[in-house]
PDB file of N, CA and C in Angstrom:
ATOM      1  N   MET A   1      -3.478   3.804  23.112  1.00  0.00           N
ATOM      2  CA  MET A   1      -2.066   3.685  23.447  1.00  0.00           C
ATOM      3  C   MET A   1      -1.251   4.210  22.262  1.00  0.00           C
ATOM      4  N   PRO A   2      -0.337   5.145  22.473  1.00  0.00           N
ATOM      5  CA  PRO A   2       0.484   5.648  21.367  1.00  0.00           C
ATOM      6  C   PRO A   2       1.283   4.523  20.721  1.00  0.00           C
ATOM      7  N   ALA A   3       1.559   4.674  19.435  1.00  0.00           N
ATOM      8  CA  ALA A   3       2.248   3.633  18.667  1.00  0.00           C
ATOM      9  C   ALA A   3       3.576   3.230  19.295  1.00  0.00           C
ATOM     10  N   GLU A   4       4.296   4.190  19.873  1.00  0.00           N
ATOM     11  CA  GLU A   4       5.594   3.842  20.433  1.00  0.00           C
ATOM     12  C   GLU A   4       5.462   3.000  21.696  1.00  0.00           C
ATOM     13  N   ASN A   5       4.275   2.946  22.292  1.00  0.00           N
ATOM     14  CA  ASN A   5       4.053   2.146  23.494  1.00  0.00           C
ATOM     15  C   ASN A   5       3.360   0.817  23.205  1.00  0.00           C
ATOM     16  N   VAL A   6       3.060   0.539  21.935  1.00  0.00           N
ATOM     17  CA  VAL A   6       2.412  -0.713  21.566  1.00  0.00           C
ATOM     18  C   VAL A   6       3.469  -1.808  21.523  1.00  0.00           C
ATOM     19  N   PRO A   7       3.217  -2.939  22.177  1.00  0.00           N
ATOM     20  CA  PRO A   7       4.185  -4.040  22.105  1.00  0.00           C
ATOM     21  C   PRO A   7       4.348  -4.480  20.657  1.00  0.00           C
ATOM     22  N   VAL A   8       5.537  -4.962  20.317  1.00  0.00           N
ATOM     23  CA  VAL A   8       5.818  -5.392  18.945  1.00  0.00           C
ATOM     24  C   VAL A   8       4.764  -6.379  18.463  1.00  0.00           C
ATOM     25  N   ALA A   9       4.349  -7.317  19.299  1.00  0.00           N
ATOM     26  CA  ALA A   9       3.341  -8.303  18.911  1.00  0.00           C
ATOM     27  C   ALA A   9       2.030  -7.627  18.527  1.00  0.00           C
ATOM     28  N   GLY A  10       1.777  -6.420  19.021  1.00  0.00           N
ATOM     29  CA  GLY A  10       0.565  -5.685  18.684  1.00  0.00           C
ATOM     30  C   GLY A  10       0.523  -5.240  17.239  1.00  0.00           C
ATOM     31  N   HIS A  11       1.639  -5.275  16.541  1.00  0.00           N
ATOM     32  CA  HIS A  11       1.708  -4.852  15.143  1.00  0.00           C
ATOM     33  C   HIS A  11       1.582  -6.014  14.157  1.00  0.00           C
ATOM     34  N   LEU A  12       1.456  -7.232  14.643  1.00  0.00           N
ATOM     35  CA  LEU A  12       1.456  -8.393  13.756  1.00  0.00           C
ATOM     36  C   LEU A  12       0.316  -8.365  12.749  1.00  0.00           C
ATOM     37  N   ASP A  13      -0.818  -7.818  13.113  1.00  0.00           N
ATOM     38  CA  ASP A  13      -1.966  -7.774  12.210  1.00  0.00           C
ATOM     39  C   ASP A  13      -2.147  -6.402  11.564  1.00  0.00           C
ATOM     40  N   ASP A  14      -1.216  -5.506  11.760  1.00  0.00           N
ATOM     41  CA  ASP A  14      -1.332  -4.141  11.246  1.00  0.00           C
ATOM     42  C   ASP A  14      -0.744  -4.062   9.834  1.00  0.00           C
ATOM     43  N   ASP A  15      -1.609  -3.947   8.834  1.00  0.00           N
ATOM     44  CA  ASP A  15      -1.172  -3.873   7.436  1.00  0.00           C
ATOM     45  C   ASP A  15      -0.355  -2.627   7.133  1.00  0.00           C
ATOM     46  N   ASP A  16      -0.463  -1.613   7.987  1.00  0.00           N
ATOM     47  CA  ASP A  16       0.233  -0.357   7.731  1.00  0.00           C
ATOM     48  C   ASP A  16       1.519  -0.203   8.535  1.00  0.00           C
ATOM     49  N   TYR A  17       1.842  -1.191   9.353  1.00  0.00           N
ATOM     50  CA  TYR A  17       3.059  -1.107  10.149  1.00  0.00           C
ATOM     51  C   TYR A  17       4.276  -1.331   9.245  1.00  0.00           C
ATOM     52  N   PRO A  18       5.229  -0.398   9.257  1.00  0.00           N
ATOM     53  CA  PRO A  18       6.406  -0.499   8.369  1.00  0.00           C
ATOM     54  C   PRO A  18       7.436  -1.508   8.876  1.00  0.00           C
ATOM     55  N   ALA A  19       7.158  -2.766   8.663  1.00  0.00           N
ATOM     56  CA  ALA A  19       7.956  -3.843   9.238  1.00  0.00           C
ATOM     57  C   ALA A  19       9.110  -4.313   8.364  1.00  0.00           C
ATOM     58  N   TYR A  20       9.097  -3.978   7.076  1.00  0.00           N
ATOM     59  CA  TYR A  20      10.050  -4.575   6.139  1.00  0.00           C
ATOM     60  C   TYR A  20      11.095  -3.577   5.660  1.00  0.00           C
ATOM     61  N   THR A  21      12.338  -3.980   5.752  1.00  0.00           N
ATOM     62  CA  THR A  21      13.420  -3.171   5.196  1.00  0.00           C
ATOM     63  C   THR A  21      13.337  -3.244   3.674  1.00  0.00           C
ATOM     64  N   MET A  22      14.051  -2.374   3.010  1.00  0.00           N
ATOM     65  CA  MET A  22      14.039  -2.380   1.549  1.00  0.00           C
ATOM     66  C   MET A  22      14.529  -3.715   1.001  1.00  0.00           C
ATOM     67  N   GLY A  23      15.591  -4.236   1.557  1.00  0.00           N
ATOM     68  CA  GLY A  23      16.129  -5.506   1.082  1.00  0.00           C
ATOM     69  C   GLY A  23      15.154  -6.649   1.261  1.00  0.00           C
ATOM     70  N   ARG A  24      14.526  -6.705   2.431  1.00  0.00           N
ATOM     71  CA  ARG A  24      13.551  -7.768   2.701  1.00  0.00           C
ATOM     72  C   ARG A  24      12.329  -7.604   1.806  1.00  0.00           C
ATOM     73  N   ALA A  25      11.864  -6.378   1.622  1.00  0.00           N
ATOM     74  CA  ALA A  25      10.710  -6.118   0.761  1.00  0.00           C
ATOM     75  C   ALA A  25      11.012  -6.545  -0.676  1.00  0.00           C
ATOM     76  N   ALA A  26      12.192  -6.209  -1.167  1.00  0.00           N
ATOM     77  CA  ALA A  26      12.585  -6.598  -2.528  1.00  0.00           C
ATOM     78  C   ALA A  26      12.638  -8.118  -2.651  1.00  0.00           C
ATOM     79  N   ASP A  27      13.183  -8.788  -1.640  1.00  0.00           N
ATOM     80  CA  ASP A  27      13.231 -10.257  -1.653  1.00  0.00           C
ATOM     81  C   ASP A  27      11.830 -10.857  -1.701  1.00  0.00           C
ATOM     82  N   LEU A  28      10.936 -10.336  -0.873  1.00  0.00           N
ATOM     83  CA  LEU A  28       9.570 -10.859  -0.834  1.00  0.00           C
ATOM     84  C   LEU A  28       8.852 -10.685  -2.169  1.00  0.00           C
ATOM     85  N   LEU A  29       9.137  -9.572  -2.849  1.00  0.00           N
ATOM     86  CA  LEU A  29       8.488  -9.292  -4.132  1.00  0.00           C
ATOM     87  C   LEU A  29       9.216  -9.924  -5.311  1.00  0.00           C
ATOM     88  N   GLY A  30      10.420 -10.429  -5.056  1.00  0.00           N
ATOM     89  CA  GLY A  30      11.205 -10.986  -6.151  1.00  0.00           C
ATOM     90  C   GLY A  30      11.656  -9.918  -7.116  1.00  0.00           C
ATOM     91  N   THR A  31      11.996  -8.774  -6.581  1.00  0.00           N
ATOM     92  CA  THR A  31      12.426  -7.639  -7.406  1.00  0.00           C
ATOM     93  C   THR A  31      13.693  -7.044  -6.821  1.00  0.00           C
ATOM     94  N   THR A  32      14.028  -5.861  -7.248  1.00  0.00           N
ATOM     95  CA  THR A  32      15.239  -5.198  -6.780  1.00  0.00           C
ATOM     96  C   THR A  32      14.887  -3.963  -5.950  1.00  0.00           C
ATOM     97  N   PRO A  33      15.817  -3.513  -5.117  1.00  0.00           N
ATOM     98  CA  PRO A  33      15.595  -2.248  -4.417  1.00  0.00           C
ATOM     99  C   PRO A  33      15.356  -1.092  -5.402  1.00  0.00           C
ATOM    100  N   ALA A  34      15.970  -1.166  -6.575  1.00  0.00           N
ATOM    101  CA  ALA A  34      15.768  -0.106  -7.570  1.00  0.00           C
ATOM    102  C   ALA A  34      14.296  -0.014  -7.983  1.00  0.00           C
ATOM    103  N   PHE A  35      13.637  -1.163  -8.102  1.00  0.00           N
ATOM    104  CA  PHE A  35      12.210  -1.146  -8.436  1.00  0.00           C
ATOM    105  C   PHE A  35      11.419  -0.446  -7.335  1.00  0.00           C
ATOM    106  N   LEU A  36      11.722  -0.766  -6.081  1.00  0.00           N
ATOM    107  CA  LEU A  36      11.024  -0.113  -4.967  1.00  0.00           C
ATOM    108  C   LEU A  36      11.290   1.383  -4.946  1.00  0.00           C
ATOM    109  N   ARG A  37      12.517   1.784  -5.242  1.00  0.00           N
ATOM    110  CA  ARG A  37      12.811   3.218  -5.323  1.00  0.00           C
ATOM    111  C   ARG A  37      12.003   3.861  -6.445  1.00  0.00           C
ATOM    112  N   ALA A  38      11.882   3.166  -7.575  1.00  0.00           N
ATOM    113  CA  ALA A  38      11.150   3.710  -8.731  1.00  0.00           C
ATOM    114  C   ALA A  38       9.669   3.894  -8.411  1.00  0.00           C
ATOM    115  N   VAL A  39       9.032   2.931  -7.739  1.00  0.00           N
ATOM    116  CA  VAL A  39       7.621   3.113  -7.405  1.00  0.00           C
ATOM    117  C   VAL A  39       7.451   4.193  -6.339  1.00  0.00           C
ATOM    118  N   GLY A  40       8.470   4.386  -5.529  1.00  0.00           N
ATOM    119  CA  GLY A  40       8.453   5.497  -4.583  1.00  0.00           C
ATOM    120  C   GLY A  40       8.588   6.840  -5.286  1.00  0.00           C
ATOM    121  N   GLU A  41       9.495   6.906  -6.253  1.00  0.00           N
ATOM    122  CA  GLU A  41       9.672   8.147  -7.021  1.00  0.00           C
ATOM    123  C   GLU A  41       8.428   8.480  -7.837  1.00  0.00           C
ATOM    124  N   ALA A  42       7.700   7.453  -8.269  1.00  0.00           N
ATOM    125  CA  ALA A  42       6.447   7.663  -9.011  1.00  0.00           C
ATOM    126  C   ALA A  42       5.301   7.994  -8.053  1.00  0.00           C
ATOM    127  N   GLU A  43       5.596   8.034  -6.754  1.00  0.00           N
ATOM    128  CA  GLU A  43       4.648   8.371  -5.695  1.00  0.00           C
ATOM    129  C   GLU A  43       3.496   7.379  -5.577  1.00  0.00           C
ATOM    130  N   LEU A  44       3.741   6.129  -5.983  1.00  0.00           N
ATOM    131  CA  LEU A  44       2.743   5.091  -5.789  1.00  0.00           C
ATOM    132  C   LEU A  44       2.701   4.687  -4.324  1.00  0.00           C
ATOM    133  N   ILE A  45       3.868   4.540  -3.725  1.00  0.00           N
ATOM    134  CA  ILE A  45       3.978   4.263  -2.296  1.00  0.00           C
ATOM    135  C   ILE A  45       5.021   5.202  -1.715  1.00  0.00           C
ATOM    136  N   THR A  46       4.860   5.513  -0.452  1.00  0.00           N
ATOM    137  CA  THR A  46       5.829   6.357   0.247  1.00  0.00           C
ATOM    138  C   THR A  46       6.285   5.602   1.484  1.00  0.00           C
ATOM    139  N   PRO A  47       7.442   4.987   1.407  1.00  0.00           N
ATOM    140  CA  PRO A  47       7.901   4.229   2.573  1.00  0.00           C
ATOM    141  C   PRO A  47       8.190   5.172   3.739  1.00  0.00           C
ATOM    142  N   LEU A  48       7.996   4.647   4.922  1.00  0.00           N
ATOM    143  CA  LEU A  48       8.386   5.405   6.101  1.00  0.00           C
ATOM    144  C   LEU A  48       9.888   5.278   6.258  1.00  0.00           C
ATOM    145  N   ARG A  49      10.458   6.136   7.044  1.00  0.00           N
ATOM    146  CA  ARG A  49      11.907   6.102   7.268  1.00  0.00           C
ATOM    147  C   ARG A  49      12.196   5.774   8.725  1.00  0.00           C
ATOM    148  N   SER A  50      13.174   4.914   8.918  1.00  0.00           N
ATOM    149  CA  SER A  50      13.611   4.593  10.279  1.00  0.00           C
ATOM    150  C   SER A  50      14.365   5.792  10.835  1.00  0.00           C
ATOM    151  N   ASP A  51      14.697   5.732  12.110  1.00  0.00           N
ATOM    152  CA  ASP A  51      15.471   6.815  12.718  1.00  0.00           C
ATOM    153  C   ASP A  51      16.793   7.017  11.993  1.00  0.00           C
ATOM    154  N   GLY A  52      17.335   5.952  11.421  1.00  0.00           N
ATOM    155  CA  GLY A  52      18.587   6.030  10.673  1.00  0.00           C
ATOM    156  C   GLY A  52      18.403   6.443   9.222  1.00  0.00           C
ATOM    157  N   GLY A  53      17.158   6.695   8.802  1.00  0.00           N
ATOM    158  CA  GLY A  53      16.884   7.142   7.448  1.00  0.00           C
ATOM    159  C   GLY A  53      16.640   6.026   6.441  1.00  0.00           C
ATOM    160  N   HIS A  54      16.565   4.786   6.907  1.00  0.00           N
ATOM    161  CA  HIS A  54      16.340   3.658   6.006  1.00  0.00           C
ATOM    162  C   HIS A  54      14.860   3.501   5.691  1.00  0.00           C
ATOM    163  N   ARG A  55      14.564   3.115   4.460  1.00  0.00           N
ATOM    164  CA  ARG A  55      13.172   2.906   4.047  1.00  0.00           C
ATOM    165  C   ARG A  55      12.595   1.678   4.730  1.00  0.00           C
ATOM    166  N   ARG A  56      11.341   1.788   5.144  1.00  0.00           N
ATOM    167  CA  ARG A  56      10.587   0.696   5.752  1.00  0.00           C
ATOM    168  C   ARG A  56       9.233   0.608   5.059  1.00  0.00           C
ATOM    169  N   TYR A  57       8.828  -0.621   4.733  1.00  0.00           N
ATOM    170  CA  TYR A  57       7.599  -0.854   3.980  1.00  0.00           C
ATOM    171  C   TYR A  57       6.596  -1.660   4.782  1.00  0.00           C
ATOM    172  N   SER A  58       5.328  -1.365   4.578  1.00  0.00           N
ATOM    173  CA  SER A  58       4.251  -2.115   5.215  1.00  0.00           C
ATOM    174  C   SER A  58       3.744  -3.203   4.269  1.00  0.00           C
ATOM    175  N   ARG A  59       2.957  -4.111   4.811  1.00  0.00           N
ATOM    176  CA  ARG A  59       2.360  -5.148   3.958  1.00  0.00           C
ATOM    177  C   ARG A  59       1.458  -4.534   2.905  1.00  0.00           C
ATOM    178  N   ARG A  60       0.704  -3.517   3.259  1.00  0.00           N
ATOM    179  CA  ARG A  60      -0.167  -2.849   2.292  1.00  0.00           C
ATOM    180  C   ARG A  60       0.668  -2.272   1.140  1.00  0.00           C
ATOM    181  N   GLN A  61       1.776  -1.645   1.463  1.00  0.00           N
ATOM    182  CA  GLN A  61       2.651  -1.091   0.426  1.00  0.00           C
ATOM    183  C   GLN A  61       3.236  -2.191  -0.449  1.00  0.00           C
ATOM    184  N   LEU A  62       3.561  -3.323   0.162  1.00  0.00           N
ATOM    185  CA  LEU A  62       4.102  -4.427  -0.627  1.00  0.00           C
ATOM    186  C   LEU A  62       3.063  -4.983  -1.592  1.00  0.00           C
ATOM    187  N   ARG A  63       1.805  -5.044  -1.166  1.00  0.00           N
ATOM    188  CA  ARG A  63       0.746  -5.508  -2.081  1.00  0.00           C
ATOM    189  C   ARG A  63       0.595  -4.546  -3.259  1.00  0.00           C
ATOM    190  N   ILE A  64       0.669  -3.262  -2.990  1.00  0.00           N
ATOM    191  CA  ILE A  64       0.560  -2.256  -4.052  1.00  0.00           C
ATOM    192  C   ILE A  64       1.737  -2.380  -5.007  1.00  0.00           C
ATOM    193  N   ALA A  65       2.942  -2.493  -4.458  1.00  0.00           N
ATOM    194  CA  ALA A  65       4.137  -2.639  -5.300  1.00  0.00           C
ATOM    195  C   ALA A  65       4.080  -3.935  -6.106  1.00  0.00           C
ATOM    196  N   ALA A  66       3.545  -5.001  -5.505  1.00  0.00           N
ATOM    197  CA  ALA A  66       3.432  -6.285  -6.213  1.00  0.00           C
ATOM    198  C   ALA A  66       2.504  -6.149  -7.417  1.00  0.00           C
ATOM    199  N   ARG A  67       1.424  -5.408  -7.270  1.00  0.00           N
ATOM    200  CA  ARG A  67       0.500  -5.198  -8.394  1.00  0.00           C
ATOM    201  C   ARG A  67       1.206  -4.421  -9.505  1.00  0.00           C
ATOM    202  N   ALA A  68       1.968  -3.403  -9.144  1.00  0.00           N
ATOM    203  CA  ALA A  68       2.724  -2.644 -10.145  1.00  0.00           C
ATOM    204  C   ALA A  68       3.729  -3.557 -10.840  1.00  0.00           C
ATOM    205  N   ARG A  69       4.356  -4.412 -10.075  1.00  0.00           N
ATOM    206  CA  ARG A  69       5.333  -5.342 -10.661  1.00  0.00           C
ATOM    207  C   ARG A  69       4.675  -6.272 -11.661  1.00  0.00           C
ATOM    208  N   GLU A  70       3.466  -6.761 -11.361  1.00  0.00           N
ATOM    209  CA  GLU A  70       2.736  -7.612 -12.309  1.00  0.00           C
ATOM    210  C   GLU A  70       2.565  -6.899 -13.649  1.00  0.00           C
ATOM    211  N   LEU A  71       2.169  -5.639 -13.579  1.00  0.00           N
ATOM    212  CA  LEU A  71       1.956  -4.872 -14.815  1.00  0.00           C
ATOM    213  C   LEU A  71       3.262  -4.649 -15.565  1.00  0.00           C
ATOM    214  N   VAL A  72       4.327  -4.345 -14.830  1.00  0.00           N
ATOM    215  CA  VAL A  72       5.631  -4.140 -15.462  1.00  0.00           C
ATOM    216  C   VAL A  72       6.096  -5.442 -16.115  1.00  0.00           C
ATOM    217  N   ASP A  73       5.886  -6.551 -15.429  1.00  0.00           N
ATOM    218  CA  ASP A  73       6.268  -7.851 -15.988  1.00  0.00           C
ATOM    219  C   ASP A  73       5.491  -8.175 -17.264  1.00  0.00           C
ATOM    220  N   GLN A  74       4.319  -7.575 -17.422  1.00  0.00           N
ATOM    221  CA  GLN A  74       3.507  -7.771 -18.625  1.00  0.00           C
ATOM    222  C   GLN A  74       3.868  -6.789 -19.735  1.00  0.00           C
ATOM    223  N   GLY A  75       4.863  -5.928 -19.451  1.00  0.00           N
ATOM    224  CA  GLY A  75       5.332  -5.008 -20.479  1.00  0.00           C
ATOM    225  C   GLY A  75       4.882  -3.564 -20.331  1.00  0.00           C
ATOM    226  N   THR A  76       4.170  -3.257 -19.275  1.00  0.00           N
ATOM    227  CA  THR A  76       3.713  -1.885 -19.040  1.00  0.00           C
ATOM    228  C   THR A  76       4.876  -1.055 -18.487  1.00  0.00           C
ATOM    229  N   PRO A  77       5.120   0.132 -19.044  1.00  0.00           N
ATOM    230  CA  PRO A  77       6.166   0.991 -18.465  1.00  0.00           C
ATOM    231  C   PRO A  77       5.853   1.294 -16.998  1.00  0.00           C
ATOM    232  N   ILE A  78       6.885   1.440 -16.197  1.00  0.00           N
ATOM    233  CA  ILE A  78       6.690   1.578 -14.756  1.00  0.00           C
ATOM    234  C   ILE A  78       5.824   2.788 -14.395  1.00  0.00           C
ATOM    235  N   GLU A  79       6.001   3.911 -15.100  1.00  0.00           N
ATOM    236  CA  GLU A  79       5.196   5.103 -14.796  1.00  0.00           C
ATOM    237  C   GLU A  79       3.721   4.819 -15.052  1.00  0.00           C
ATOM    238  N   ALA A  80       3.427   4.140 -16.162  1.00  0.00           N
ATOM    239  CA  ALA A  80       2.039   3.793 -16.495  1.00  0.00           C
ATOM    240  C   ALA A  80       1.493   2.774 -15.502  1.00  0.00           C
ATOM    241  N   ALA A  81       2.306   1.808 -15.111  1.00  0.00           N
ATOM    242  CA  ALA A  81       1.878   0.797 -14.150  1.00  0.00           C
ATOM    243  C   ALA A  81       1.506   1.463 -12.823  1.00  0.00           C
ATOM    244  N   CYS A  82       2.311   2.401 -12.391  1.00  0.00           N
ATOM    245  CA  CYS A  82       2.038   3.097 -11.136  1.00  0.00           C
ATOM    246  C   CYS A  82       0.744   3.896 -11.235  1.00  0.00           C
ATOM    247  N   ARG A  83       0.510   4.526 -12.359  1.00  0.00           N
ATOM    248  CA  ARG A  83      -0.725   5.289 -12.547  1.00  0.00           C
ATOM    249  C   ARG A  83      -1.940   4.358 -12.559  1.00  0.00           C
ATOM    250  N   ILE A  84      -1.824   3.233 -13.237  1.00  0.00           N
ATOM    251  CA  ILE A  84      -2.921   2.251 -13.283  1.00  0.00           C
ATOM    252  C   ILE A  84      -3.252   1.761 -11.881  1.00  0.00           C
ATOM    253  N   VAL A  85      -2.222   1.391 -11.134  1.00  0.00           N
ATOM    254  CA  VAL A  85      -2.442   0.883  -9.779  1.00  0.00           C
ATOM    255  C   VAL A  85      -3.067   1.965  -8.906  1.00  0.00           C
ATOM    256  N   SER A  86      -2.620   3.185  -9.044  1.00  0.00           N
ATOM    257  CA  SER A  86      -3.185   4.301  -8.282  1.00  0.00           C
ATOM    258  C   SER A  86      -4.667   4.474  -8.609  1.00  0.00           C
ATOM    259  N   LEU A  87      -5.016   4.415  -9.884  1.00  0.00           N
ATOM    260  CA  LEU A  87      -6.421   4.552 -10.287  1.00  0.00           C
ATOM    261  C   LEU A  87      -7.254   3.365  -9.812  1.00  0.00           C
ATOM    262  N   GLU A  88      -6.682   2.162  -9.863  1.00  0.00           N
ATOM    263  CA  GLU A  88      -7.392   0.987  -9.346  1.00  0.00           C
ATOM    264  C   GLU A  88      -7.687   1.160  -7.851  1.00  0.00           C
ATOM    265  N   ASP A  89      -6.712   1.675  -7.118  1.00  0.00           N
ATOM    266  CA  ASP A  89      -6.874   1.890  -5.688  1.00  0.00           C
ATOM    267  C   ASP A  89      -7.967   2.926  -5.417  1.00  0.00           C
ATOM    268  N   GLN A  90      -7.970   4.003  -6.193  1.00  0.00           N
ATOM    269  CA  GLN A  90      -9.009   5.024  -6.035  1.00  0.00           C
ATOM    270  C   GLN A  90     -10.389   4.451  -6.334  1.00  0.00           C
ATOM    271  N   LEU A  91     -10.485   3.649  -7.378  1.00  0.00           N
ATOM    272  CA  LEU A  91     -11.753   3.028  -7.739  1.00  0.00           C
ATOM    273  C   LEU A  91     -12.230   2.097  -6.623  1.00  0.00           C
ATOM    274  N   ASP A  92     -11.328   1.291  -6.074  1.00  0.00           N
ATOM    275  CA  ASP A  92     -11.691   0.399  -4.971  1.00  0.00           C
ATOM    276  C   ASP A  92     -12.205   1.191  -3.774  1.00  0.00           C
ATOM    277  N   GLU A  93     -11.545   2.289  -3.462  1.00  0.00           N
ATOM    278  CA  GLU A  93     -11.970   3.126  -2.333  1.00  0.00           C
ATOM    279  C   GLU A  93     -13.364   3.702  -2.582  1.00  0.00           C
ATOM    280  N   GLU A  94     -13.622   4.180  -3.764  1.00  0.00           N
ATOM    281  CA  GLU A  94     -14.942   4.732  -4.079  1.00  0.00           C
ATOM    282  C   GLU A  94     -16.014   3.650  -4.047  1.00  0.00           C
ATOM    283  N   ARG A  95     -15.677   2.456  -4.478  1.00  0.00           N
ATOM    284  CA  ARG A  95     -16.628   1.337  -4.391  1.00  0.00           C
ATOM    285  C   ARG A  95     -16.962   1.023  -2.937  1.00  0.00           C
ATOM    286  N   ARG A  96     -15.940   1.031  -2.067  1.00  0.00           N
ATOM    287  CA  ARG A  96     -16.181   0.795  -0.640  1.00  0.00           C
ATOM    288  C   ARG A  96     -17.085   1.881  -0.055  1.00  0.00           C
ATOM    289  N   ARG A  97     -16.824   3.110  -0.425  1.00  0.00           N
ATOM    290  CA  ARG A  97     -17.648   4.223   0.068  1.00  0.00           C
ATOM    291  C   ARG A  97     -19.083   4.085  -0.431  1.00  0.00           C
ATOM    292  N   ASN A  98     -19.238   3.699  -1.685  1.00  0.00           N
ATOM    293  CA  ASN A  98     -20.560   3.515  -2.267  1.00  0.00           C
ATOM    294  C   ASN A  98     -21.312   2.401  -1.541  1.00  0.00           C
ATOM    295  N   GLN A  99     -20.637   1.274  -1.304  1.00  0.00           N
ATOM    296  CA  GLN A  99     -21.263   0.160  -0.583  1.00  0.00           C
ATOM    297  C   GLN A  99     -21.660   0.574   0.828  1.00  0.00           C
ATOM    298  N   ASP A 100     -20.800   1.347   1.493  1.00  0.00           N
ATOM    299  CA  ASP A 100     -21.109   1.818   2.838  1.00  0.00           C
ATOM    300  C   ASP A 100     -22.339   2.723   2.812  1.00  0.00           C
ATOM    301  N   MET A 101     -22.399   3.610   1.844  1.00  0.00           N
ATOM    302  CA  MET A 101     -23.539   4.511   1.743  1.00  0.00           C
ATOM    303  C   MET A 101     -24.830   3.727   1.460  1.00  0.00           C
ATOM    304  N   ARG A 102     -24.737   2.739   0.579  1.00  0.00           N
ATOM    305  CA  ARG A 102     -25.922   1.909   0.298  1.00  0.00           C
ATOM    306  C   ARG A 102     -26.373   1.154   1.549  1.00  0.00           C
ATOM    307  N   ARG A 103     -25.420   0.634   2.297  1.00  0.00           N
ATOM    308  CA  ARG A 103     -25.748  -0.069   3.534  1.00  0.00           C
ATOM    309  C   ARG A 103     -26.428   0.872   4.513  1.00  0.00           C
ATOM    310  N   ARG A 104     -25.894   2.070   4.646  1.00  0.00           N
ATOM    311  CA  ARG A 104     -26.482   3.055   5.552  1.00  0.00           C
ATOM    312  C   ARG A 104     -27.877   3.456   5.110  1.00  0.00           C
ATOM    313  N   LEU A 105     -28.067   3.601   3.806  1.00  0.00           N
ATOM    314  CA  LEU A 105     -29.404   3.926   3.292  1.00  0.00           C
ATOM    315  C   LEU A 105     -30.386   2.790   3.558  1.00  0.00           C
ATOM    316  N   ASP A 106     -29.930   1.555   3.379  1.00  0.00           N
ATOM    317  CA  ASP A 106     -30.786   0.405   3.639  1.00  0.00           C
ATOM    318  C   ASP A 106     -31.176   0.333   5.115  1.00  0.00           C
ATOM    319  N   GLU A 107     -30.251   0.682   6.003  1.00  0.00           N
ATOM    320  CA  GLU A 107     -30.512   0.610   7.431  1.00  0.00           C
ATOM    321  C   GLU A 107     -31.370   1.768   7.937  1.00  0.00           C
ATOM    322  N   HIS A 108     -31.133   2.958   7.398  1.00  0.00           N
ATOM    323  CA  HIS A 108     -31.752   4.160   7.965  1.00  0.00           C
ATOM    324  C   HIS A 108     -32.688   4.896   7.012  1.00  0.00           C
ATOM    325  N   GLY A 109     -32.724   4.470   5.786  1.00  0.00           N
ATOM    326  CA  GLY A 109     -33.549   5.173   4.811  1.00  0.00           C
ATOM    327  C   GLY A 109     -32.895   6.475   4.364  1.00  0.00           C
ATOM    328  N   PRO A 110     -33.613   7.291   3.623  1.00  0.00           N
ATOM    329  CA  PRO A 110     -33.015   8.508   3.042  1.00  0.00           C
ATOM    330  C   PRO A 110     -32.825   9.638   4.043  1.00  0.00           C
ATOM    331  N   ASP A 111     -33.139   9.422   5.342  1.00  0.00           N
ATOM    332  CA  ASP A 111     -33.046  10.484   6.339  1.00  0.00           C
ATOM    333  C   ASP A 111     -31.700  10.578   7.030  1.00  0.00           C
ATOM    334  N   ILE A 112     -30.640  10.030   6.436  1.00  0.00           N
ATOM    335  CA  ILE A 112     -29.335  10.130   7.104  1.00  0.00           C
ATOM    336  C   ILE A 112     -28.610  11.368   6.696  1.00  0.00           C
TER     337      ILE A 112
END
């Protein structure tokens, strides 16, 4: 079913659904819209835009921004915090891929 035909309740468990406005996202993170703009400018997260051009954030994006905020609160410059979070995310993805490959090897042997 195309996304535009999915009932709103169908998005409740979707971590990538852009459900939060900039103001609501900033409130949830205990930060300012300027911080969210800064992590966007650093290309850590790319909010989707509503038809009216307003930024919308997903839960996954909020978790990423929250991690950057933790680092900034510890004194890390925002550009460095965004780079650290980006590298952490890449490392996590590679670990998942590695675990998947190991699982596949365990199930099927070296003939995959």
